């Protein structure tokens, strides 16, 4: 990855400027699907946001877990929030007697 931090472009039409910092990939428990997370640094400050390839929705959840605060103080905070939320839901479903399944992972329509 290129670690040169560009300056924001100063034009009122250019908004939400951010730079890709890293892409992180992991698997969740017994589910073999690779989950990817892209982390971006906002150019107008040192806050971080992310995009993820999959969301988790176990049989215990009415809807998938979506990243609720896409504004983090650090890269580690982004990754810890996403992986922690997914692991928590996975464990709850397993403890309730559900077998892990690839069906628990919903691909993001916005992740390319």
C-alpha atoms as a PDB file:
ATOM      1  CA  UNK A   1       0.000   0.000   0.000  1.00  0.00           C
ATOM      2  CA  UNK A   2       1.076   3.563  -0.627  1.00  0.00           C
ATOM      3  CA  UNK A   3       1.598   5.260   2.742  1.00  0.00           C
ATOM      4  CA  UNK A   4       1.985   8.788   1.393  1.00  0.00           C
ATOM      5  CA  UNK A   5      -0.786  10.892   2.882  1.00  0.00           C
ATOM      6  CA  UNK A   6      -2.181  13.230   0.233  1.00  0.00           C
ATOM      7  CA  UNK A   7      -3.626  16.597   1.160  1.00  0.00           C
ATOM      8  CA  UNK A   8      -7.336  17.157   0.618  1.00  0.00           C
ATOM      9  CA  UNK A   9      -8.324  18.674  -2.715  1.00  0.00           C
ATOM     10  CA  UNK A  10      -9.711  22.148  -2.071  1.00  0.00           C
ATOM     11  CA  UNK A  11     -12.759  22.310  -4.309  1.00  0.00           C
ATOM     12  CA  UNK A  12     -16.312  22.573  -2.924  1.00  0.00           C
ATOM     13  CA  UNK A  13     -17.497  19.855  -5.311  1.00  0.00           C
ATOM     14  CA  UNK A  14     -14.981  17.303  -4.021  1.00  0.00           C
ATOM     15  CA  UNK A  15     -16.274  15.835  -0.758  1.00  0.00           C
ATOM     16  CA  UNK A  16     -15.823  12.797   1.495  1.00  0.00           C
ATOM     17  CA  UNK A  17     -12.158  12.504   0.601  1.00  0.00           C
ATOM     18  CA  UNK A  18     -10.376   9.496   2.031  1.00  0.00           C
ATOM     19  CA  UNK A  19      -7.355   7.330   1.348  1.00  0.00           C
ATOM     20  CA  UNK A  20      -7.227   3.544   1.443  1.00  0.00           C
ATOM     21  CA  UNK A  21      -4.941   2.518   4.310  1.00  0.00           C
ATOM     22  CA  UNK A  22      -5.191  -1.258   4.196  1.00  0.00           C
ATOM     23  CA  UNK A  23      -7.313  -4.256   3.350  1.00  0.00           C
ATOM     24  CA  UNK A  24      -7.663  -6.886   6.062  1.00  0.00           C
ATOM     25  CA  UNK A  25      -8.976 -10.413   5.467  1.00  0.00           C
ATOM     26  CA  UNK A  26     -10.122 -13.046   7.951  1.00  0.00           C
ATOM     27  CA  UNK A  27     -12.343 -16.088   8.392  1.00  0.00           C
ATOM     28  CA  UNK A  28     -14.871 -16.405  11.184  1.00  0.00           C
ATOM     29  CA  UNK A  29     -14.785 -19.653  13.154  1.00  0.00           C
ATOM     30  CA  UNK A  30     -15.850 -22.688  11.144  1.00  0.00           C
ATOM     31  CA  UNK A  31     -17.152 -20.585   8.221  1.00  0.00           C
ATOM     32  CA  UNK A  32     -14.587 -20.855   5.377  1.00  0.00           C
ATOM     33  CA  UNK A  33     -15.661 -17.688   3.529  1.00  0.00           C
ATOM     34  CA  UNK A  34     -13.020 -14.958   3.530  1.00  0.00           C
ATOM     35  CA  UNK A  35     -14.324 -11.663   4.898  1.00  0.00           C
ATOM     36  CA  UNK A  36     -12.501  -8.544   3.736  1.00  0.00           C
ATOM     37  CA  UNK A  37     -12.419  -5.136   5.360  1.00  0.00           C
ATOM     38  CA  UNK A  38     -11.028  -2.021   3.664  1.00  0.00           C
ATOM     39  CA  UNK A  39      -9.989   0.746   6.031  1.00  0.00           C
ATOM     40  CA  UNK A  40      -9.779   4.366   4.877  1.00  0.00           C
ATOM     41  CA  UNK A  41      -8.322   7.477   6.519  1.00  0.00           C
ATOM     42  CA  UNK A  42     -10.344  10.648   6.063  1.00  0.00           C
ATOM     43  CA  UNK A  43      -8.207  13.350   4.471  1.00  0.00           C
ATOM     44  CA  UNK A  44      -9.744  16.181   6.472  1.00  0.00           C
ATOM     45  CA  UNK A  45      -8.744  14.619   9.790  1.00  0.00           C
ATOM     46  CA  UNK A  46      -7.281  11.516  11.310  1.00  0.00           C
ATOM     47  CA  UNK A  47     -10.508   9.527  11.565  1.00  0.00           C
ATOM     48  CA  UNK A  48     -10.977   6.131   9.973  1.00  0.00           C
ATOM     49  CA  UNK A  49     -13.870   4.479   8.181  1.00  0.00           C
ATOM     50  CA  UNK A  50     -14.301   1.089   6.576  1.00  0.00           C
ATOM     51  CA  UNK A  51     -16.124  -1.086   4.070  1.00  0.00           C
ATOM     52  CA  UNK A  52     -16.673  -4.789   4.591  1.00  0.00           C
ATOM     53  CA  UNK A  53     -17.341  -7.581   2.130  1.00  0.00           C
ATOM     54  CA  UNK A  54     -19.836  -9.476   4.321  1.00  0.00           C
ATOM     55  CA  UNK A  55     -22.201  -8.871   7.225  1.00  0.00           C
ATOM     56  CA  UNK A  56     -23.270 -11.473   9.752  1.00  0.00           C
ATOM     57  CA  UNK A  57     -26.861 -12.512  10.333  1.00  0.00           C
ATOM     58  CA  UNK A  58     -27.204 -15.625  12.471  1.00  0.00           C
ATOM     59  CA  UNK A  59     -30.535 -17.364  13.123  1.00  0.00           C
ATOM     60  CA  UNK A  60     -30.800 -15.272  16.322  1.00  0.00           C
ATOM     61  CA  UNK A  61     -30.690 -11.939  14.494  1.00  0.00           C
ATOM     62  CA  UNK A  62     -33.689 -10.237  12.896  1.00  0.00           C
ATOM     63  CA  UNK A  63     -31.305  -8.335  10.618  1.00  0.00           C
ATOM     64  CA  UNK A  64     -27.582  -8.295   9.872  1.00  0.00           C
ATOM     65  CA  UNK A  65     -25.114  -6.378  12.005  1.00  0.00           C
ATOM     66  CA  UNK A  66     -24.051  -3.246  10.151  1.00  0.00           C
ATOM     67  CA  UNK A  67     -21.210  -1.028  11.259  1.00  0.00           C
ATOM     68  CA  UNK A  68     -23.099   1.550  13.333  1.00  0.00           C
ATOM     69  CA  UNK A  69     -20.376   4.183  13.744  1.00  0.00           C
ATOM     70  CA  UNK A  70     -18.269   4.538  10.635  1.00  0.00           C
ATOM     71  CA  UNK A  71     -15.953   6.991  12.371  1.00  0.00           C
ATOM     72  CA  UNK A  72     -13.083   5.571  14.383  1.00  0.00           C
ATOM     73  CA  UNK A  73     -10.027   7.027  16.090  1.00  0.00           C
ATOM     74  CA  UNK A  74      -7.659   4.432  14.640  1.00  0.00           C
ATOM     75  CA  UNK A  75      -7.242   1.629  12.158  1.00  0.00           C
ATOM     76  CA  UNK A  76      -7.174  -0.866  15.038  1.00  0.00           C
ATOM     77  CA  UNK A  77     -10.438   0.547  16.387  1.00  0.00           C
ATOM     78  CA  UNK A  78     -12.135  -0.073  13.009  1.00  0.00           C
ATOM     79  CA  UNK A  79     -10.948  -3.667  12.851  1.00  0.00           C
ATOM     80  CA  UNK A  80     -11.655  -4.403  16.510  1.00  0.00           C
ATOM     81  CA  UNK A  81     -15.230  -3.122  16.200  1.00  0.00           C
ATOM     82  CA  UNK A  82     -16.067  -5.156  13.093  1.00  0.00           C
ATOM     83  CA  UNK A  83     -14.378  -8.389  14.138  1.00  0.00           C
ATOM     84  CA  UNK A  84     -15.651  -8.101  17.712  1.00  0.00           C
ATOM     85  CA  UNK A  85     -19.274  -7.589  16.649  1.00  0.00           C
ATOM     86  CA  UNK A  86     -19.121 -10.524  14.234  1.00  0.00           C
ATOM     87  CA  UNK A  87     -17.454 -12.832  16.768  1.00  0.00           C
ATOM     88  CA  UNK A  88     -20.015 -11.922  19.436  1.00  0.00           C
ATOM     89  CA  UNK A  89     -22.970 -12.796  17.187  1.00  0.00           C
ATOM     90  CA  UNK A  90     -21.272 -16.005  16.020  1.00  0.00           C
ATOM     91  CA  UNK A  91     -20.664 -17.136  19.625  1.00  0.00           C
ATOM     92  CA  UNK A  92     -24.230 -16.313  20.712  1.00  0.00           C
ATOM     93  CA  UNK A  93     -25.649 -18.427  17.882  1.00  0.00           C
ATOM     94  CA  UNK A  94     -23.314 -21.331  18.643  1.00  0.00           C
ATOM     95  CA  UNK A  95     -24.170 -21.174  22.359  1.00  0.00           C
ATOM     96  CA  UNK A  96     -27.868 -21.303  21.416  1.00  0.00           C
ATOM     97  CA  UNK A  97     -27.225 -24.588  19.595  1.00  0.00           C
ATOM     98  CA  UNK A  98     -26.950 -23.395  15.990  1.00  0.00           C
ATOM     99  CA  UNK A  99     -24.297 -24.906  13.725  1.00  0.00           C
ATOM    100  CA  UNK A 100     -22.133 -22.286  11.961  1.00  0.00           C
ATOM    101  CA  UNK A 101     -23.084 -21.840   8.322  1.00  0.00           C
ATOM    102  CA  UNK A 102     -21.925 -19.831   5.337  1.00  0.00           C
ATOM    103  CA  UNK A 103     -25.564 -18.706   5.157  1.00  0.00           C
ATOM    104  CA  UNK A 104     -24.795 -16.520   8.175  1.00  0.00           C
ATOM    105  CA  UNK A 105     -22.663 -14.258   5.961  1.00  0.00           C
ATOM    106  CA  UNK A 106     -24.443 -11.822   3.676  1.00  0.00           C
ATOM    107  CA  UNK A 107     -22.317 -10.299   0.906  1.00  0.00           C
ATOM    108  CA  UNK A 108     -22.290  -6.496   0.839  1.00  0.00           C
ATOM    109  CA  UNK A 109     -23.842  -5.098  -2.320  1.00  0.00           C
ATOM    110  CA  UNK A 110     -21.533  -2.079  -2.052  1.00  0.00           C
ATOM    111  CA  UNK A 111     -18.251  -3.978  -1.754  1.00  0.00           C
ATOM    112  CA  UNK A 112     -16.556  -4.493  -5.102  1.00  0.00           C
END
